[in-house]
């Protein structure tokens, strides 16, 4: 056999041979003792004054219709990415025009469906917040839906382009 030892080959060194305990039929781990086994008392205990942060894991932070639409869009977009990528792989590597083209087309339709659903939801949401000004819950963060104001002449940072101020100019009127 290839793995048989010859009589000229020395025995291999076993690093665990020194730690083998015949009484327990296993290895013993040597204990290392130091001069002082007590912890340093001069160091302050840093864990006493630290409070762990509390994080809310409730799903009630987001309104139900936004949560439902978000997860529906996540699933549809994931399916669209899978279909387009798998279809592209079939087209490129297998040359299967029927199945690959069909998967790419299905993925494109799913992307279109996701876009239409997002735009419909956003339009309905904007319409509902425009009808009820007291129902503003901070959901309008998008810059496209924010009302644009005319730049204030007294505010040097207002307007489309940022303006620089001289170092001598102060903020007081």
Protein backbone atom coordinates (compact mmCIF):
# COMPACT_ATOMS: atom_id res chain seq x y z
CA UNK A 1 0.00 0.00 0.00
CA UNK A 2 1.02 3.57 -0.54
CA UNK A 3 0.32 4.74 3.00
CA UNK A 4 2.14 1.95 4.87
CA UNK A 5 5.18 3.01 6.85
CA UNK A 6 8.56 1.55 6.18
CA UNK A 7 10.90 0.39 8.91
CA UNK A 8 13.31 3.23 8.09
CA UNK A 9 10.75 5.97 8.71
CA UNK A 10 10.82 7.49 12.22
CA UNK A 11 7.69 7.68 14.36
CA UNK A 12 5.75 10.89 14.12
CA UNK A 13 5.87 13.30 17.03
CA UNK A 14 2.58 13.48 18.92
CA UNK A 15 2.14 16.92 20.51
CA UNK A 16 -0.63 15.60 22.78
CA UNK A 17 1.45 12.76 24.24
CA UNK A 18 2.73 14.95 27.09
CA UNK A 19 -0.81 15.86 28.17
CA UNK A 20 -2.39 12.40 27.97
CA UNK A 21 -3.88 11.25 31.29
CA UNK A 22 -4.02 7.48 31.61
CA UNK A 23 -6.36 7.60 34.63
CA UNK A 24 -9.06 9.61 32.85
CA UNK A 25 -8.37 8.23 29.38
CA UNK A 26 -8.11 11.69 27.88
CA UNK A 27 -6.14 14.87 27.75
CA UNK A 28 -5.44 17.13 30.69
CA UNK A 29 -5.04 20.83 30.26
CA UNK A 30 -2.28 22.26 32.42
CA UNK A 31 -3.17 25.12 34.75
CA UNK A 32 -1.05 28.23 34.66
CA UNK A 33 -0.83 30.02 37.94
CA UNK A 34 0.20 33.62 38.29
CA UNK A 35 1.53 35.46 41.28
CA UNK A 36 -1.71 37.27 41.98
CA UNK A 37 -4.88 35.59 40.76
CA UNK A 38 -7.08 38.43 41.98
CA UNK A 39 -8.36 41.04 39.53
CA UNK A 40 -7.05 44.57 39.62
CA UNK A 41 -9.09 46.54 42.12
CA UNK A 42 -7.73 49.89 41.01
CA UNK A 43 -9.65 49.75 37.70
CA UNK A 44 -13.23 51.05 37.84
CA UNK A 45 -16.03 48.72 36.83
CA UNK A 46 -17.12 50.16 33.50
CA UNK A 47 -20.27 48.10 33.14
CA UNK A 48 -22.08 49.65 36.11
CA UNK A 49 -23.06 53.02 34.62
CA UNK A 50 -23.89 51.93 31.09
CA UNK A 51 -27.53 51.43 30.22
CA UNK A 52 -28.21 49.35 27.11
CA UNK A 53 -30.28 51.17 24.49
CA UNK A 54 -33.87 50.16 24.05
CA UNK A 55 -35.11 49.65 20.52
CA UNK A 56 -38.76 49.35 19.65
CA UNK A 57 -39.47 46.30 17.53
CA UNK A 58 -43.17 47.01 17.20
CA UNK A 59 -44.51 47.17 13.68
CA UNK A 60 -46.92 49.86 14.80
CA UNK A 61 -44.36 52.56 13.99
CA UNK A 62 -45.52 52.42 10.37
CA UNK A 63 -49.13 52.64 9.20
CA UNK A 64 -50.56 49.34 7.98
CA UNK A 65 -51.15 50.41 4.37
CA UNK A 66 -47.53 51.49 3.96
CA UNK A 67 -46.28 48.26 5.51
CA UNK A 68 -48.49 46.13 3.29
CA UNK A 69 -47.50 47.98 0.13
CA UNK A 70 -43.82 47.85 1.04
CA UNK A 71 -43.74 44.08 1.51
CA UNK A 72 -45.84 43.49 -1.60
CA UNK A 73 -43.40 45.58 -3.64
CA UNK A 74 -40.41 43.79 -2.09
CA UNK A 75 -41.81 40.41 -3.13
CA UNK A 76 -42.76 41.53 -6.63
CA UNK A 77 -39.39 43.21 -7.27
CA UNK A 78 -37.51 40.16 -5.95
CA UNK A 79 -39.51 37.92 -8.31
CA UNK A 80 -38.82 40.33 -11.18
CA UNK A 81 -35.07 40.36 -10.51
CA UNK A 82 -35.05 36.56 -10.34
CA UNK A 83 -36.99 36.18 -13.58
CA UNK A 84 -34.87 38.69 -15.52
CA UNK A 85 -31.56 37.31 -14.28
CA UNK A 86 -32.53 33.68 -14.86
CA UNK A 87 -33.94 34.50 -18.27
CA UNK A 88 -30.76 36.38 -19.20
CA UNK A 89 -28.65 33.42 -18.13
CA UNK A 90 -30.75 31.05 -20.23
CA UNK A 91 -30.47 33.37 -23.21
CA UNK A 92 -26.72 33.89 -22.96
CA UNK A 93 -25.42 30.49 -21.88
CA UNK A 94 -28.00 28.02 -23.19
CA UNK A 95 -29.25 29.96 -26.17
CA UNK A 96 -32.81 29.03 -25.17
CA UNK A 97 -34.71 31.86 -26.80
CA UNK A 98 -38.18 30.64 -25.81
CA UNK A 99 -37.73 30.05 -22.07
CA UNK A 100 -35.14 32.81 -21.60
CA UNK A 101 -37.18 35.35 -23.53
CA UNK A 102 -40.31 34.35 -21.66
CA UNK A 103 -38.60 34.82 -18.28
CA UNK A 104 -37.17 38.20 -19.29
CA UNK A 105 -40.62 39.29 -20.48
CA UNK A 106 -42.25 38.11 -17.23
CA UNK A 107 -39.62 39.99 -15.24
CA UNK A 108 -40.23 43.15 -17.25
CA UNK A 109 -43.99 42.84 -16.66
CA UNK A 110 -43.38 42.39 -12.92
CA UNK A 111 -41.15 45.49 -12.85
CA UNK A 112 -43.92 47.42 -14.64
CA UNK A 113 -46.50 46.13 -12.17
CA UNK A 114 -44.32 47.18 -9.22
CA UNK A 115 -43.80 50.65 -10.70
CA UNK A 116 -47.52 51.07 -11.38
CA UNK A 117 -48.43 49.94 -7.88
CA UNK A 118 -45.88 52.31 -6.33
CA UNK A 119 -47.09 55.29 -8.37
CA UNK A 120 -50.74 54.48 -7.60
CA UNK A 121 -50.01 54.18 -3.89
CA UNK A 122 -48.01 57.41 -3.88
CA UNK A 123 -50.73 59.28 -5.80
CA UNK A 124 -53.44 58.01 -3.44
CA UNK A 125 -51.33 58.82 -0.39
CA UNK A 126 -50.59 62.35 -1.66
CA UNK A 127 -54.26 62.90 -2.45
CA UNK A 128 -55.35 61.74 0.99
CA UNK A 129 -52.83 64.01 2.77
CA UNK A 130 -53.83 66.96 0.56
CA UNK A 131 -57.51 66.45 1.43
CA UNK A 132 -56.86 66.16 5.16
CA UNK A 133 -54.13 68.62 6.27
CA UNK A 134 -54.43 67.46 9.91
CA UNK A 135 -53.53 63.87 8.95
CA UNK A 136 -49.95 64.84 8.20
CA UNK A 137 -47.88 62.15 9.85
CA UNK A 138 -44.52 63.14 8.39
CA UNK A 139 -44.80 60.71 5.48
CA UNK A 140 -44.16 63.45 2.91
CA UNK A 141 -40.39 63.49 2.94
CA UNK A 142 -39.92 63.28 -0.81
CA UNK A 143 -38.59 66.50 -2.32
CA UNK A 144 -40.89 66.16 -5.32
CA UNK A 145 -44.00 66.45 -3.17
CA UNK A 146 -42.77 69.27 -0.98
CA UNK A 147 -44.18 72.67 -1.70
CA UNK A 148 -41.55 74.94 -3.14
CA UNK A 149 -41.27 78.33 -1.57
CA UNK A 150 -39.86 81.46 -3.14
CA UNK A 151 -36.35 82.20 -1.92
CA UNK A 152 -36.26 84.65 0.94
CA UNK A 153 -34.08 87.65 0.27
CA UNK A 154 -32.90 87.76 3.88
CA UNK A 155 -31.87 84.09 3.85
CA UNK A 156 -28.55 83.69 2.03
CA UNK A 157 -28.94 79.90 1.90
CA UNK A 158 -32.38 79.99 0.20
CA UNK A 159 -32.89 79.37 -3.49
CA UNK A 160 -31.70 76.76 -5.94
CA UNK A 161 -27.96 77.24 -5.66
CA UNK A 162 -26.15 77.66 -2.36
CA UNK A 163 -24.65 81.09 -1.92
CA UNK A 164 -21.50 81.83 -0.03
CA UNK A 165 -21.39 84.32 2.79
CA UNK A 166 -18.51 86.49 3.73
CA UNK A 167 -16.82 85.72 7.07
CA UNK A 168 -17.58 89.25 8.32
CA UNK A 169 -21.34 88.86 7.78
CA UNK A 170 -23.09 87.82 10.98
CA UNK A 171 -26.49 86.22 11.49
CA UNK A 172 -28.05 89.13 13.37
CA UNK A 173 -30.48 91.44 11.48
